[in-house]
Amino acid sequence: MNERSITISAGSLEIGAIINDSNTANDIWDSLPISGSANVWGDEIYFAISVDAAEEPDASDLVSSGDIAFWPPGNAFCIFFGRTPASTDEQPRAASPVNVFGNIDGDEKLFRAVAPGTTITIAAKQ
């Protein structure tokens, strides 16, 4: 499958991301556009979406800064850009295993400016 790009918008912030060809990525791609209200957990933003994807075989709680993932227990879209309260070092760590399905294409640290409650919109990049 061809590389697929999405745009993540939060207030005046707009950053692109590349998604992979996993089942989770396909489910999310088929649901675009989606919006939600940002929750902030350390250097992670997450929000519930109307996708119900199972935990993938390679799901992990250890992720990298810039990863975008789906958290099955909360049906949540997650953006990781640094340490979380579960981190034991500088590496981001999810609350429980997530399905990483893509990466931010830009400076993920810009998400630090997003306040809780900000509307996040995910759309296919045109």
PDB file of N, CA and C in Angstrom:
ATOM      1  N   MET A   1       0.844  -1.181   0.000  1.00  0.00           N
ATOM      2  CA  MET A   1       0.000   0.000   0.000  1.00  0.00           C
ATOM      3  C   MET A   1       0.884   1.237   0.000  1.00  0.00           C
ATOM      4  N   ASN A   2       0.393   2.311  -0.605  1.00  0.00           N
ATOM      5  CA  ASN A   2       1.129   3.566  -0.638  1.00  0.00           C
ATOM      6  C   ASN A   2       1.201   4.184   0.750  1.00  0.00           C
ATOM      7  N   GLU A   3       2.233   5.004   0.949  1.00  0.00           N
ATOM      8  CA  GLU A   3       2.373   5.725   2.204  1.00  0.00           C
ATOM      9  C   GLU A   3       1.170   6.649   2.375  1.00  0.00           C
ATOM     10  N   ARG A   4       0.640   6.685   3.589  1.00  0.00           N
ATOM     11  CA  ARG A   4      -0.521   7.529   3.861  1.00  0.00           C
ATOM     12  C   ARG A   4      -0.149   8.593   4.875  1.00  0.00           C
ATOM     13  N   SER A   5      -0.611   9.800   4.613  1.00  0.00           N
ATOM     14  CA  SER A   5      -0.311  10.932   5.482  1.00  0.00           C
ATOM     15  C   SER A   5      -1.593  11.472   6.092  1.00  0.00           C
ATOM     16  N   ILE A   6      -1.468  11.915   7.340  1.00  0.00           N
ATOM     17  CA  ILE A   6      -2.574  12.563   8.019  1.00  0.00           C
ATOM     18  C   ILE A   6      -2.106  13.917   8.535  1.00  0.00           C
ATOM     19  N   THR A   7      -3.067  14.762   8.844  1.00  0.00           N
ATOM     20  CA  THR A   7      -2.797  16.049   9.464  1.00  0.00           C
ATOM     21  C   THR A   7      -3.438  16.050  10.841  1.00  0.00           C
ATOM     22  N   ILE A   8      -2.673  16.464  11.840  1.00  0.00           N
ATOM     23  CA  ILE A   8      -3.166  16.577  13.208  1.00  0.00           C
ATOM     24  C   ILE A   8      -3.237  18.063  13.529  1.00  0.00           C
ATOM     25  N   SER A   9      -4.448  18.551  13.804  1.00  0.00           N
ATOM     26  CA  SER A   9      -4.659  19.969  14.099  1.00  0.00           C
ATOM     27  C   SER A   9      -5.129  20.136  15.534  1.00  0.00           C
ATOM     28  N   ALA A  10      -4.553  21.128  16.207  1.00  0.00           N
ATOM     29  CA  ALA A  10      -4.938  21.461  17.584  1.00  0.00           C
ATOM     30  C   ALA A  10      -4.797  22.966  17.739  1.00  0.00           C
ATOM     31  N   GLY A  11      -5.915  23.689  17.737  1.00  0.00           N
ATOM     32  CA  GLY A  11      -5.838  25.144  17.766  1.00  0.00           C
ATOM     33  C   GLY A  11      -5.120  25.627  16.516  1.00  0.00           C
ATOM     34  N   SER A  12      -4.087  26.456  16.689  1.00  0.00           N
ATOM     35  CA  SER A  12      -3.338  26.969  15.538  1.00  0.00           C
ATOM     36  C   SER A  12      -2.224  26.015  15.092  1.00  0.00           C
ATOM     37  N   LEU A  13      -2.022  24.944  15.829  1.00  0.00           N
ATOM     38  CA  LEU A  13      -0.977  23.966  15.513  1.00  0.00           C
ATOM     39  C   LEU A  13      -1.481  22.964  14.481  1.00  0.00           C
ATOM     40  N   GLU A  14      -0.687  22.723  13.455  1.00  0.00           N
ATOM     41  CA  GLU A  14      -1.009  21.695  12.462  1.00  0.00           C
ATOM     42  C   GLU A  14       0.279  20.959  12.105  1.00  0.00           C
ATOM     43  N   ILE A  15       0.292  19.654  12.361  1.00  0.00           N
ATOM     44  CA  ILE A  15       1.480  18.834  12.119  1.00  0.00           C
ATOM     45  C   ILE A  15       1.059  17.590  11.352  1.00  0.00           C
ATOM     46  N   GLY A  16       1.902  17.171  10.423  1.00  0.00           N
ATOM     47  CA  GLY A  16       1.637  15.969   9.649  1.00  0.00           C
ATOM     48  C   GLY A  16       2.172  14.726  10.338  1.00  0.00           C
ATOM     49  N   ALA A  17       1.683  13.588   9.887  1.00  0.00           N
ATOM     50  CA  ALA A  17       2.164  12.293  10.371  1.00  0.00           C
ATOM     51  C   ALA A  17       2.017  11.283   9.249  1.00  0.00           C
ATOM     52  N   ILE A  18       2.840  10.252   9.302  1.00  0.00           N
ATOM     53  CA  ILE A  18       2.795   9.143   8.348  1.00  0.00           C
ATOM     54  C   ILE A  18       2.281   7.929   9.097  1.00  0.00           C
ATOM     55  N   ILE A  19       1.301   7.233   8.511  1.00  0.00           N
ATOM     56  CA  ILE A  19       0.783   6.035   9.171  1.00  0.00           C
ATOM     57  C   ILE A  19       1.175   4.794   8.384  1.00  0.00           C
ATOM     58  N   ASN A  20       1.280   3.688   9.099  1.00  0.00           N
ATOM     59  CA  ASN A  20       1.724   2.432   8.496  1.00  0.00           C
ATOM     60  C   ASN A  20       0.545   1.645   7.918  1.00  0.00           C
ATOM     61  N   ASP A  21       0.754   0.384   7.651  1.00  0.00           N
ATOM     62  CA  ASP A  21      -0.267  -0.449   7.011  1.00  0.00           C
ATOM     63  C   ASP A  21      -0.815  -1.509   7.969  1.00  0.00           C
ATOM     64  N   SER A  22      -0.800  -1.216   9.268  1.00  0.00           N
ATOM     65  CA  SER A  22      -1.322  -2.172  10.250  1.00  0.00           C
ATOM     66  C   SER A  22      -2.848  -2.172  10.232  1.00  0.00           C
ATOM     67  N   ASN A  23      -3.435  -3.174  10.865  1.00  0.00           N
ATOM     68  CA  ASN A  23      -4.896  -3.224  10.980  1.00  0.00           C
ATOM     69  C   ASN A  23      -5.423  -1.991  11.704  1.00  0.00           C
ATOM     70  N   THR A  24      -4.722  -1.576  12.757  1.00  0.00           N
ATOM     71  CA  THR A  24      -5.142  -0.393  13.506  1.00  0.00           C
ATOM     72  C   THR A  24      -5.108   0.844  12.622  1.00  0.00           C
ATOM     73  N   ALA A  25      -4.015   1.036  11.883  1.00  0.00           N
ATOM     74  CA  ALA A  25      -3.908   2.194  10.985  1.00  0.00           C
ATOM     75  C   ALA A  25      -5.035   2.184   9.960  1.00  0.00           C
ATOM     76  N   ASN A  26      -5.338   1.008   9.417  1.00  0.00           N
ATOM     77  CA  ASN A  26      -6.416   0.906   8.430  1.00  0.00           C
ATOM     78  C   ASN A  26      -7.759   1.286   9.040  1.00  0.00           C
ATOM     79  N   ASP A  27      -8.028   0.814  10.262  1.00  0.00           N
ATOM     80  CA  ASP A  27      -9.286   1.147  10.937  1.00  0.00           C
ATOM     81  C   ASP A  27      -9.403   2.655  11.169  1.00  0.00           C
ATOM     82  N   ILE A  28      -8.316   3.269  11.591  1.00  0.00           N
ATOM     83  CA  ILE A  28      -8.338   4.713  11.843  1.00  0.00           C
ATOM     84  C   ILE A  28      -8.471   5.477  10.533  1.00  0.00           C
ATOM     85  N   TRP A  29      -7.715   5.088   9.513  1.00  0.00           N
ATOM     86  CA  TRP A  29      -7.788   5.739   8.200  1.00  0.00           C
ATOM     87  C   TRP A  29      -9.227   5.719   7.669  1.00  0.00           C
ATOM     88  N   ASP A  30      -9.886   4.585   7.827  1.00  0.00           N
ATOM     89  CA  ASP A  30     -11.261   4.445   7.331  1.00  0.00           C
ATOM     90  C   ASP A  30     -12.259   5.289   8.119  1.00  0.00           C
ATOM     91  N   SER A  31     -11.871   5.777   9.296  1.00  0.00           N
ATOM     92  CA  SER A  31     -12.761   6.576  10.147  1.00  0.00           C
ATOM     93  C   SER A  31     -12.530   8.082  10.023  1.00  0.00           C
ATOM     94  N   LEU A  32     -11.522   8.485   9.252  1.00  0.00           N
ATOM     95  CA  LEU A  32     -11.190   9.915   9.139  1.00  0.00           C
ATOM     96  C   LEU A  32     -12.275  10.684   8.409  1.00  0.00           C
ATOM     97  N   PRO A  33     -12.493  11.962   8.751  1.00  0.00           N
ATOM     98  CA  PRO A  33     -11.823  12.710   9.819  1.00  0.00           C
ATOM     99  C   PRO A  33     -12.423  12.377  11.186  1.00  0.00           C
ATOM    100  N   ILE A  34     -11.596  12.534  12.207  1.00  0.00           N
ATOM    101  CA  ILE A  34     -12.054  12.315  13.582  1.00  0.00           C
ATOM    102  C   ILE A  34     -11.599  13.491  14.447  1.00  0.00           C
ATOM    103  N   SER A  35     -12.354  13.764  15.483  1.00  0.00           N
ATOM    104  CA  SER A  35     -12.020  14.853  16.408  1.00  0.00           C
ATOM    105  C   SER A  35     -12.248  14.388  17.835  1.00  0.00           C
ATOM    106  N   GLY A  36     -11.560  15.038  18.745  1.00  0.00           N
ATOM    107  CA  GLY A  36     -11.737  14.731  20.158  1.00  0.00           C
ATOM    108  C   GLY A  36     -11.162  15.837  21.012  1.00  0.00           C
ATOM    109  N   SER A  37     -11.394  15.738  22.295  1.00  0.00           N
ATOM    110  CA  SER A  37     -10.922  16.716  23.262  1.00  0.00           C
ATOM    111  C   SER A  37      -9.652  16.188  23.929  1.00  0.00           C
ATOM    112  N   ALA A  38      -8.583  16.972  23.860  1.00  0.00           N
ATOM    113  CA  ALA A  38      -7.270  16.535  24.345  1.00  0.00           C
ATOM    114  C   ALA A  38      -7.237  16.301  25.848  1.00  0.00           C
ATOM    115  N   ASN A  39      -6.709  15.149  26.218  1.00  0.00           N
ATOM    116  CA  ASN A  39      -6.298  14.854  27.586  1.00  0.00           C
ATOM    117  C   ASN A  39      -4.776  14.866  27.567  1.00  0.00           C
ATOM    118  N   VAL A  40      -4.157  15.404  28.603  1.00  0.00           N
ATOM    119  CA  VAL A  40      -2.699  15.489  28.657  1.00  0.00           C
ATOM    120  C   VAL A  40      -2.210  14.666  29.840  1.00  0.00           C
ATOM    121  N   TRP A  41      -1.246  13.769  29.552  1.00  0.00           N
ATOM    122  CA  TRP A  41      -0.660  12.897  30.574  1.00  0.00           C
ATOM    123  C   TRP A  41       0.847  12.974  30.411  1.00  0.00           C
ATOM    124  N   GLY A  42       1.488  13.888  31.152  1.00  0.00           N
ATOM    125  CA  GLY A  42       2.909  14.135  30.920  1.00  0.00           C
ATOM    126  C   GLY A  42       3.075  14.674  29.510  1.00  0.00           C
ATOM    127  N   ASP A  43       4.010  14.103  28.761  1.00  0.00           N
ATOM    128  CA  ASP A  43       4.217  14.495  27.367  1.00  0.00           C
ATOM    129  C   ASP A  43       3.512  13.520  26.431  1.00  0.00           C
ATOM    130  N   GLU A  44       2.246  13.304  26.711  1.00  0.00           N
ATOM    131  CA  GLU A  44       1.368  12.509  25.849  1.00  0.00           C
ATOM    132  C   GLU A  44       0.025  13.217  25.784  1.00  0.00           C
ATOM    133  N   ILE A  45      -0.533  13.266  24.585  1.00  0.00           N
ATOM    134  CA  ILE A  45      -1.909  13.718  24.394  1.00  0.00           C
ATOM    135  C   ILE A  45      -2.690  12.498  23.949  1.00  0.00           C
ATOM    136  N   TYR A  46      -3.875  12.329  24.510  1.00  0.00           N
ATOM    137  CA  TYR A  46      -4.734  11.229  24.075  1.00  0.00           C
ATOM    138  C   TYR A  46      -6.184  11.680  24.123  1.00  0.00           C
ATOM    139  N   PHE A  47      -7.007  11.039  23.300  1.00  0.00           N
ATOM    140  CA  PHE A  47      -8.438  11.326  23.301  1.00  0.00           C
ATOM    141  C   PHE A  47      -9.171  10.136  22.711  1.00  0.00           C
ATOM    142  N   ALA A  48     -10.380   9.910  23.218  1.00  0.00           N
ATOM    143  CA  ALA A  48     -11.193   8.783  22.761  1.00  0.00           C
ATOM    144  C   ALA A  48     -11.669   9.016  21.333  1.00  0.00           C
ATOM    145  N   ILE A  49     -11.671   7.933  20.550  1.00  0.00           N
ATOM    146  CA  ILE A  49     -12.177   7.981  19.181  1.00  0.00           C
ATOM    147  C   ILE A  49     -13.151   6.822  18.982  1.00  0.00           C
ATOM    148  N   SER A  50     -13.894   6.881  17.891  1.00  0.00           N
ATOM    149  CA  SER A  50     -14.922   5.858  17.644  1.00  0.00           C
ATOM    150  C   SER A  50     -14.367   4.683  16.841  1.00  0.00           C
ATOM    151  N   VAL A  51     -13.171   4.257  17.201  1.00  0.00           N
ATOM    152  CA  VAL A  51     -12.543   3.079  16.591  1.00  0.00           C
ATOM    153  C   VAL A  51     -12.386   2.042  17.695  1.00  0.00           C
ATOM    154  N   ASP A  52     -12.675   0.798  17.369  1.00  0.00           N
ATOM    155  CA  ASP A  52     -12.533  -0.292  18.332  1.00  0.00           C
ATOM    156  C   ASP A  52     -11.573  -1.310  17.725  1.00  0.00           C
ATOM    157  N   ALA A  53     -10.284  -1.169  18.040  1.00  0.00           N
ATOM    158  CA  ALA A  53      -9.260  -2.058  17.490  1.00  0.00           C
ATOM    159  C   ALA A  53      -8.668  -2.906  18.609  1.00  0.00           C
ATOM    160  N   ALA A  54      -8.411  -4.155  18.300  1.00  0.00           N
ATOM    161  CA  ALA A  54      -7.811  -5.071  19.274  1.00  0.00           C
ATOM    162  C   ALA A  54      -6.324  -4.769  19.443  1.00  0.00           C
ATOM    163  N   GLU A  55      -5.770  -5.220  20.564  1.00  0.00           N
ATOM    164  CA  GLU A  55      -4.334  -5.091  20.785  1.00  0.00           C
ATOM    165  C   GLU A  55      -3.609  -5.926  19.745  1.00  0.00           C
ATOM    166  N   GLU A  56      -2.660  -5.311  19.035  1.00  0.00           N
ATOM    167  CA  GLU A  56      -1.893  -6.007  17.998  1.00  0.00           C
ATOM    168  C   GLU A  56      -0.797  -6.855  18.656  1.00  0.00           C
ATOM    169  N   PRO A  57      -0.294  -7.882  17.956  1.00  0.00           N
ATOM    170  CA  PRO A  57       0.747  -8.751  18.527  1.00  0.00           C
ATOM    171  C   PRO A  57       2.012  -8.001  18.954  1.00  0.00           C
ATOM    172  N   ASP A  58       2.334  -6.891  18.268  1.00  0.00           N
ATOM    173  CA  ASP A  58       3.545  -6.138  18.606  1.00  0.00           C
ATOM    174  C   ASP A  58       3.262  -4.942  19.524  1.00  0.00           C
ATOM    175  N   ALA A  59       2.090  -4.899  20.141  1.00  0.00           N
ATOM    176  CA  ALA A  59       1.753  -3.802  21.056  1.00  0.00           C
ATOM    177  C   ALA A  59       2.763  -3.757  22.201  1.00  0.00           C
ATOM    178  N   SER A  60       3.067  -2.540  22.646  1.00  0.00           N
ATOM    179  CA  SER A  60       4.044  -2.366  23.722  1.00  0.00           C
ATOM    180  C   SER A  60       3.718  -1.106  24.506  1.00  0.00           C
ATOM    181  N   ASP A  61       4.125  -1.087  25.770  1.00  0.00           N
ATOM    182  CA  ASP A  61       3.976   0.145  26.541  1.00  0.00           C
ATOM    183  C   ASP A  61       5.178   1.062  26.339  1.00  0.00           C
ATOM    184  N   LEU A  62       6.278   0.547  25.801  1.00  0.00           N
ATOM    185  CA  LEU A  62       7.453   1.365  25.492  1.00  0.00           C
ATOM    186  C   LEU A  62       7.329   1.893  24.073  1.00  0.00           C
ATOM    187  N   VAL A  63       7.359   3.217  23.940  1.00  0.00           N
ATOM    188  CA  VAL A  63       7.213   3.860  22.642  1.00  0.00           C
ATOM    189  C   VAL A  63       8.335   4.876  22.478  1.00  0.00           C
ATOM    190  N   SER A  64       8.353   5.542  21.343  1.00  0.00           N
ATOM    191  CA  SER A  64       9.356   6.573  21.075  1.00  0.00           C
ATOM    192  C   SER A  64       8.682   7.930  20.951  1.00  0.00           C
ATOM    193  N   SER A  65       9.433   8.972  21.247  1.00  0.00           N
ATOM    194  CA  SER A  65       8.917  10.318  21.049  1.00  0.00           C
ATOM    195  C   SER A  65       8.601  10.495  19.568  1.00  0.00           C
ATOM    196  N   GLY A  66       7.418  10.986  19.270  1.00  0.00           N
ATOM    197  CA  GLY A  66       6.973  11.148  17.889  1.00  0.00           C
ATOM    198  C   GLY A  66       6.064  10.037  17.413  1.00  0.00           C
ATOM    199  N   ASP A  67       5.930   8.968  18.205  1.00  0.00           N
ATOM    200  CA  ASP A  67       5.016   7.882  17.825  1.00  0.00           C
ATOM    201  C   ASP A  67       3.567   8.325  17.995  1.00  0.00           C
ATOM    202  N   ILE A  68       2.713   7.843  17.089  1.00  0.00           N
ATOM    203  CA  ILE A  68       1.275   7.950  17.287  1.00  0.00           C
ATOM    204  C   ILE A  68       0.772   6.521  17.448  1.00  0.00           C
ATOM    205  N   ALA A  69      -0.170   6.351  18.345  1.00  0.00           N
ATOM    206  CA  ALA A  69      -0.586   5.003  18.718  1.00  0.00           C
ATOM    207  C   ALA A  69      -2.064   4.986  19.088  1.00  0.00           C
ATOM    208  N   PHE A  70      -2.584   3.765  19.200  1.00  0.00           N
ATOM    209  CA  PHE A  70      -3.955   3.541  19.643  1.00  0.00           C
ATOM    210  C   PHE A  70      -3.892   2.748  20.933  1.00  0.00           C
ATOM    211  N   TRP A  71      -4.615   3.220  21.947  1.00  0.00           N
ATOM    212  CA  TRP A  71      -4.661   2.558  23.249  1.00  0.00           C
ATOM    213  C   TRP A  71      -5.971   1.783  23.344  1.00  0.00           C
ATOM    214  N   PRO A  72      -5.931   0.443  23.144  1.00  0.00           N
ATOM    215  CA  PRO A  72      -7.171  -0.345  23.106  1.00  0.00           C
ATOM    216  C   PRO A  72      -8.077  -0.231  24.336  1.00  0.00           C
ATOM    217  N   PRO A  73      -7.555  -0.232  25.583  1.00  0.00           N
ATOM    218  CA  PRO A  73      -8.481  -0.173  26.720  1.00  0.00           C
ATOM    219  C   PRO A  73      -9.364   1.081  26.746  1.00  0.00           C
ATOM    220  N   GLY A  74      -8.863   2.181  26.209  1.00  0.00           N
ATOM    221  CA  GLY A  74      -9.626   3.430  26.221  1.00  0.00           C
ATOM    222  C   GLY A  74     -10.105   3.874  24.861  1.00  0.00           C
ATOM    223  N   ASN A  75      -9.915   3.015  23.837  1.00  0.00           N
ATOM    224  CA  ASN A  75     -10.237   3.396  22.451  1.00  0.00           C
ATOM    225  C   ASN A  75      -9.708   4.802  22.158  1.00  0.00           C
ATOM    226  N   ALA A  76      -8.435   5.019  22.470  1.00  0.00           N
ATOM    227  CA  ALA A  76      -7.872   6.360  22.402  1.00  0.00           C
ATOM    228  C   ALA A  76      -6.744   6.484  21.385  1.00  0.00           C
ATOM    229  N   PHE A  77      -6.740   7.620  20.696  1.00  0.00           N
ATOM    230  CA  PHE A  77      -5.671   8.049  19.807  1.00  0.00           C
ATOM    231  C   PHE A  77      -4.636   8.724  20.694  1.00  0.00           C
ATOM    232  N   CYS A  78      -3.366   8.330  20.579  1.00  0.00           N
ATOM    233  CA  CYS A  78      -2.308   8.841  21.454  1.00  0.00           C
ATOM    234  C   CYS A  78      -1.177   9.453  20.637  1.00  0.00           C
ATOM    235  N   ILE A  79      -0.668  10.569  21.125  1.00  0.00           N
ATOM    236  CA  ILE A  79       0.488  11.229  20.523  1.00  0.00           C
ATOM    237  C   ILE A  79       1.548  11.334  21.619  1.00  0.00           C
ATOM    238  N   PHE A  80       2.702  10.730  21.388  1.00  0.00           N
ATOM    239  CA  PHE A  80       3.782  10.735  22.382  1.00  0.00           C
ATOM    240  C   PHE A  80       4.869  11.715  21.953  1.00  0.00           C
ATOM    241  N   PHE A  81       5.280  12.589  22.886  1.00  0.00           N
ATOM    242  CA  PHE A  81       6.311  13.573  22.549  1.00  0.00           C
ATOM    243  C   PHE A  81       7.307  13.785  23.682  1.00  0.00           C
ATOM    244  N   GLY A  82       7.387  12.823  24.600  1.00  0.00           N
ATOM    245  CA  GLY A  82       8.349  12.887  25.703  1.00  0.00           C
ATOM    246  C   GLY A  82       7.916  11.978  26.839  1.00  0.00           C
ATOM    247  N   ARG A  83       8.473  12.226  28.015  1.00  0.00           N
ATOM    248  CA  ARG A  83       8.202  11.401  29.201  1.00  0.00           C
ATOM    249  C   ARG A  83       6.733  11.454  29.609  1.00  0.00           C
ATOM    250  N   THR A  84       6.263  10.350  30.135  1.00  0.00           N
ATOM    251  CA  THR A  84       4.926  10.279  30.725  1.00  0.00           C
ATOM    252  C   THR A  84       5.090   9.932  32.210  1.00  0.00           C
ATOM    253  N   PRO A  85       4.033  10.023  33.007  1.00  0.00           N
ATOM    254  CA  PRO A  85       4.154   9.629  34.415  1.00  0.00           C
ATOM    255  C   PRO A  85       4.604   8.177  34.616  1.00  0.00           C
ATOM    256  N   ALA A  86       4.428   7.316  33.609  1.00  0.00           N
ATOM    257  CA  ALA A  86       4.863   5.917  33.726  1.00  0.00           C
ATOM    258  C   ALA A  86       6.323   5.710  33.322  1.00  0.00           C
ATOM    259  N   SER A  87       6.968   6.736  32.773  1.00  0.00           N
ATOM    260  CA  SER A  87       8.358   6.607  32.317  1.00  0.00           C
ATOM    261  C   SER A  87       9.301   6.371  33.486  1.00  0.00           C
ATOM    262  N   THR A  88      10.311   5.532  33.251  1.00  0.00           N
ATOM    263  CA  THR A  88      11.353   5.306  34.251  1.00  0.00           C
ATOM    264  C   THR A  88      12.669   5.940  33.825  1.00  0.00           C
ATOM    265  N   ASP A  89      12.718   6.444  32.594  1.00  0.00           N
ATOM    266  CA  ASP A  89      13.863   7.176  32.064  1.00  0.00           C
ATOM    267  C   ASP A  89      13.302   8.199  31.076  1.00  0.00           C
ATOM    268  N   GLU A  90      14.071   8.592  30.086  1.00  0.00           N
ATOM    269  CA  GLU A  90      13.605   9.607  29.137  1.00  0.00           C
ATOM    270  C   GLU A  90      12.631   9.061  28.097  1.00  0.00           C
ATOM    271  N   GLN A  91      12.522   7.741  28.003  1.00  0.00           N
ATOM    272  CA  GLN A  91      11.662   7.127  26.992  1.00  0.00           C
ATOM    273  C   GLN A  91      10.193   7.225  27.395  1.00  0.00           C
ATOM    274  N   PRO A  92       9.332   7.637  26.452  1.00  0.00           N
ATOM    275  CA  PRO A  92       7.901   7.637  26.752  1.00  0.00           C
ATOM    276  C   PRO A  92       7.409   6.221  27.047  1.00  0.00           C
ATOM    277  N   ARG A  93       6.483   6.130  27.975  1.00  0.00           N
ATOM    278  CA  ARG A  93       5.889   4.838  28.322  1.00  0.00           C
ATOM    279  C   ARG A  93       4.386   5.043  28.469  1.00  0.00           C
ATOM    280  N   ALA A  94       3.626   4.211  27.766  1.00  0.00           N
ATOM    281  CA  ALA A  94       2.167   4.269  27.853  1.00  0.00           C
ATOM    282  C   ALA A  94       1.698   3.624  29.154  1.00  0.00           C
ATOM    283  N   ALA A  95       0.454   3.883  29.526  1.00  0.00           N
ATOM    284  CA  ALA A  95      -0.118   3.303  30.743  1.00  0.00           C
ATOM    285  C   ALA A  95      -0.210   1.789  30.642  1.00  0.00           C
ATOM    286  N   SER A  96      -0.417   1.281  29.438  1.00  0.00           N
ATOM    287  CA  SER A  96      -0.450  -0.152  29.134  1.00  0.00           C
ATOM    288  C   SER A  96      -0.160  -0.275  27.641  1.00  0.00           C
ATOM    289  N   PRO A  97       0.002  -1.490  27.103  1.00  0.00           N
ATOM    290  CA  PRO A  97       0.397  -1.627  25.704  1.00  0.00           C
ATOM    291  C   PRO A  97      -0.510  -0.880  24.724  1.00  0.00           C
ATOM    292  N   VAL A  98       0.146  -0.246  23.750  1.00  0.00           N
ATOM    293  CA  VAL A  98      -0.529   0.487  22.678  1.00  0.00           C
ATOM    294  C   VAL A  98      -0.097  -0.077  21.331  1.00  0.00           C
ATOM    295  N   ASN A  99      -0.926   0.166  20.325  1.00  0.00           N
ATOM    296  CA  ASN A  99      -0.604  -0.202  18.945  1.00  0.00           C
ATOM    297  C   ASN A  99      -0.010   1.025  18.265  1.00  0.00           C
ATOM    298  N   VAL A 100       1.306   1.048  18.074  1.00  0.00           N
ATOM    299  CA  VAL A 100       1.932   2.151  17.346  1.00  0.00           C
ATOM    300  C   VAL A 100       1.585   1.963  15.874  1.00  0.00           C
ATOM    301  N   PHE A 101       1.032   3.016  15.263  1.00  0.00           N
ATOM    302  CA  PHE A 101       0.628   2.894  13.861  1.00  0.00           C
ATOM    303  C   PHE A 101       1.172   4.014  12.988  1.00  0.00           C
ATOM    304  N   GLY A 102       2.061   4.847  13.528  1.00  0.00           N
ATOM    305  CA  GLY A 102       2.636   5.902  12.711  1.00  0.00           C
ATOM    306  C   GLY A 102       3.575   6.784  13.506  1.00  0.00           C
ATOM    307  N   ASN A 103       4.080   7.820  12.814  1.00  0.00           N
ATOM    308  CA  ASN A 103       5.043   8.742  13.404  1.00  0.00           C
ATOM    309  C   ASN A 103       4.764  10.164  12.946  1.00  0.00           C
ATOM    310  N   ILE A 104       5.003  11.099  13.852  1.00  0.00           N
ATOM    311  CA  ILE A 104       4.883  12.514  13.533  1.00  0.00           C
ATOM    312  C   ILE A 104       5.943  12.866  12.492  1.00  0.00           C
ATOM    313  N   ASP A 105       5.558  13.652  11.498  1.00  0.00           N
ATOM    314  CA  ASP A 105       6.453  14.117  10.442  1.00  0.00           C
ATOM    315  C   ASP A 105       6.733  15.598  10.701  1.00  0.00           C
ATOM    316  N   GLY A 106       7.564  15.863  11.698  1.00  0.00           N
ATOM    317  CA  GLY A 106       7.851  17.229  12.112  1.00  0.00           C
ATOM    318  C   GLY A 106       8.328  17.228  13.552  1.00  0.00           C
ATOM    319  N   ASP A 107       8.210  18.366  14.210  1.00  0.00           N
ATOM    320  CA  ASP A 107       8.679  18.507  15.588  1.00  0.00           C
ATOM    321  C   ASP A 107       7.557  18.167  16.562  1.00  0.00           C
ATOM    322  N   GLU A 108       7.579  16.945  17.068  1.00  0.00           N
ATOM    323  CA  GLU A 108       6.522  16.506  17.987  1.00  0.00           C
ATOM    324  C   GLU A 108       6.502  17.308  19.287  1.00  0.00           C
ATOM    325  N   LYS A 109       7.612  17.941  19.642  1.00  0.00           N
ATOM    326  CA  LYS A 109       7.672  18.714  20.896  1.00  0.00           C
ATOM    327  C   LYS A 109       6.709  19.906  20.869  1.00  0.00           C
ATOM    328  N   LEU A 110       6.265  20.326  19.681  1.00  0.00           N
ATOM    329  CA  LEU A 110       5.305  21.427  19.576  1.00  0.00           C
ATOM    330  C   LEU A 110       3.987  21.095  20.266  1.00  0.00           C
ATOM    331  N   PHE A 111       3.702  19.805  20.451  1.00  0.00           N
ATOM    332  CA  PHE A 111       2.464  19.409  21.123  1.00  0.00           C
ATOM    333  C   PHE A 111       2.460  19.807  22.601  1.00  0.00           C
ATOM    334  N   ARG A 112       3.619  20.185  23.150  1.00  0.00           N
ATOM    335  CA  ARG A 112       3.661  20.637  24.547  1.00  0.00           C
ATOM    336  C   ARG A 112       2.806  21.885  24.761  1.00  0.00           C
ATOM    337  N   ALA A 113       2.515  22.627  23.691  1.00  0.00           N
ATOM    338  CA  ALA A 113       1.710  23.849  23.794  1.00  0.00           C
ATOM    339  C   ALA A 113       0.208  23.567  23.819  1.00  0.00           C
ATOM    340  N   VAL A 114      -0.194  22.322  23.616  1.00  0.00           N
ATOM    341  CA  VAL A 114      -1.619  21.979  23.567  1.00  0.00           C
ATOM    342  C   VAL A 114      -2.155  21.808  24.991  1.00  0.00           C
ATOM    343  N   ALA A 115      -3.191  22.567  25.305  1.00  0.00           N
ATOM    344  CA  ALA A 115      -3.792  22.525  26.642  1.00  0.00           C
ATOM    345  C   ALA A 115      -4.873  21.455  26.717  1.00  0.00           C
ATOM    346  N   PRO A 116      -5.094  20.900  27.908  1.00  0.00           N
ATOM    347  CA  PRO A 116      -6.201  19.954  28.075  1.00  0.00           C
ATOM    348  C   PRO A 116      -7.513  20.595  27.614  1.00  0.00           C
ATOM    349  N   GLY A 117      -8.335  19.805  26.943  1.00  0.00           N
ATOM    350  CA  GLY A 117      -9.615  20.294  26.458  1.00  0.00           C
ATOM    351  C   GLY A 117      -9.580  20.866  25.056  1.00  0.00           C
ATOM    352  N   THR A 118      -8.375  21.089  24.512  1.00  0.00           N
ATOM    353  CA  THR A 118      -8.260  21.584  23.143  1.00  0.00           C
ATOM    354  C   THR A 118      -8.827  20.547  22.183  1.00  0.00           C
ATOM    355  N   THR A 119      -9.563  21.003  21.181  1.00  0.00           N
ATOM    356  CA  THR A 119     -10.085  20.083  20.170  1.00  0.00           C
ATOM    357  C   THR A 119      -8.958  19.666  19.237  1.00  0.00           C
ATOM    358  N   ILE A 120      -8.793  18.365  19.078  1.00  0.00           N
ATOM    359  CA  ILE A 120      -7.806  17.789  18.161  1.00  0.00           C
ATOM    360  C   ILE A 120      -8.587  17.205  16.988  1.00  0.00           C
ATOM    361  N   THR A 121      -8.147  17.512  15.769  1.00  0.00           N
ATOM    362  CA  THR A 121      -8.780  16.954  14.577  1.00  0.00           C
ATOM    363  C   THR A 121      -7.734  16.214  13.762  1.00  0.00           C
ATOM    364  N   ILE A 122      -8.069  14.995  13.369  1.00  0.00           N
ATOM    365  CA  ILE A 122      -7.199  14.164  12.537  1.00  0.00           C
ATOM    366  C   ILE A 122      -7.893  14.008  11.187  1.00  0.00           C
ATOM    367  N   ALA A 123      -7.182  14.323  10.110  1.00  0.00           N
ATOM    368  CA  ALA A 123      -7.763  14.223   8.772  1.00  0.00           C
ATOM    369  C   ALA A 123      -6.735  13.649   7.808  1.00  0.00           C
ATOM    370  N   ALA A 124      -7.223  13.054   6.728  1.00  0.00           N
ATOM    371  CA  ALA A 124      -6.334  12.592   5.666  1.00  0.00           C
ATOM    372  C   ALA A 124      -5.690  13.819   5.036  1.00  0.00           C
ATOM    373  N   LYS A 125      -4.391  13.742   4.790  1.00  0.00           N
ATOM    374  CA  LYS A 125      -3.687  14.865   4.174  1.00  0.00           C
ATOM    375  C   LYS A 125      -3.994  14.870   2.685  1.00  0.00           C
ATOM    376  N   GLN A 126      -4.397  16.009   2.212  1.00  0.00           N
ATOM    377  CA  GLN A 126      -4.758  16.145   0.793  1.00  0.00           C
ATOM    378  C   GLN A 126      -3.548  16.512  -0.041  1.00  0.00           C
TER     379      GLN A 126
END
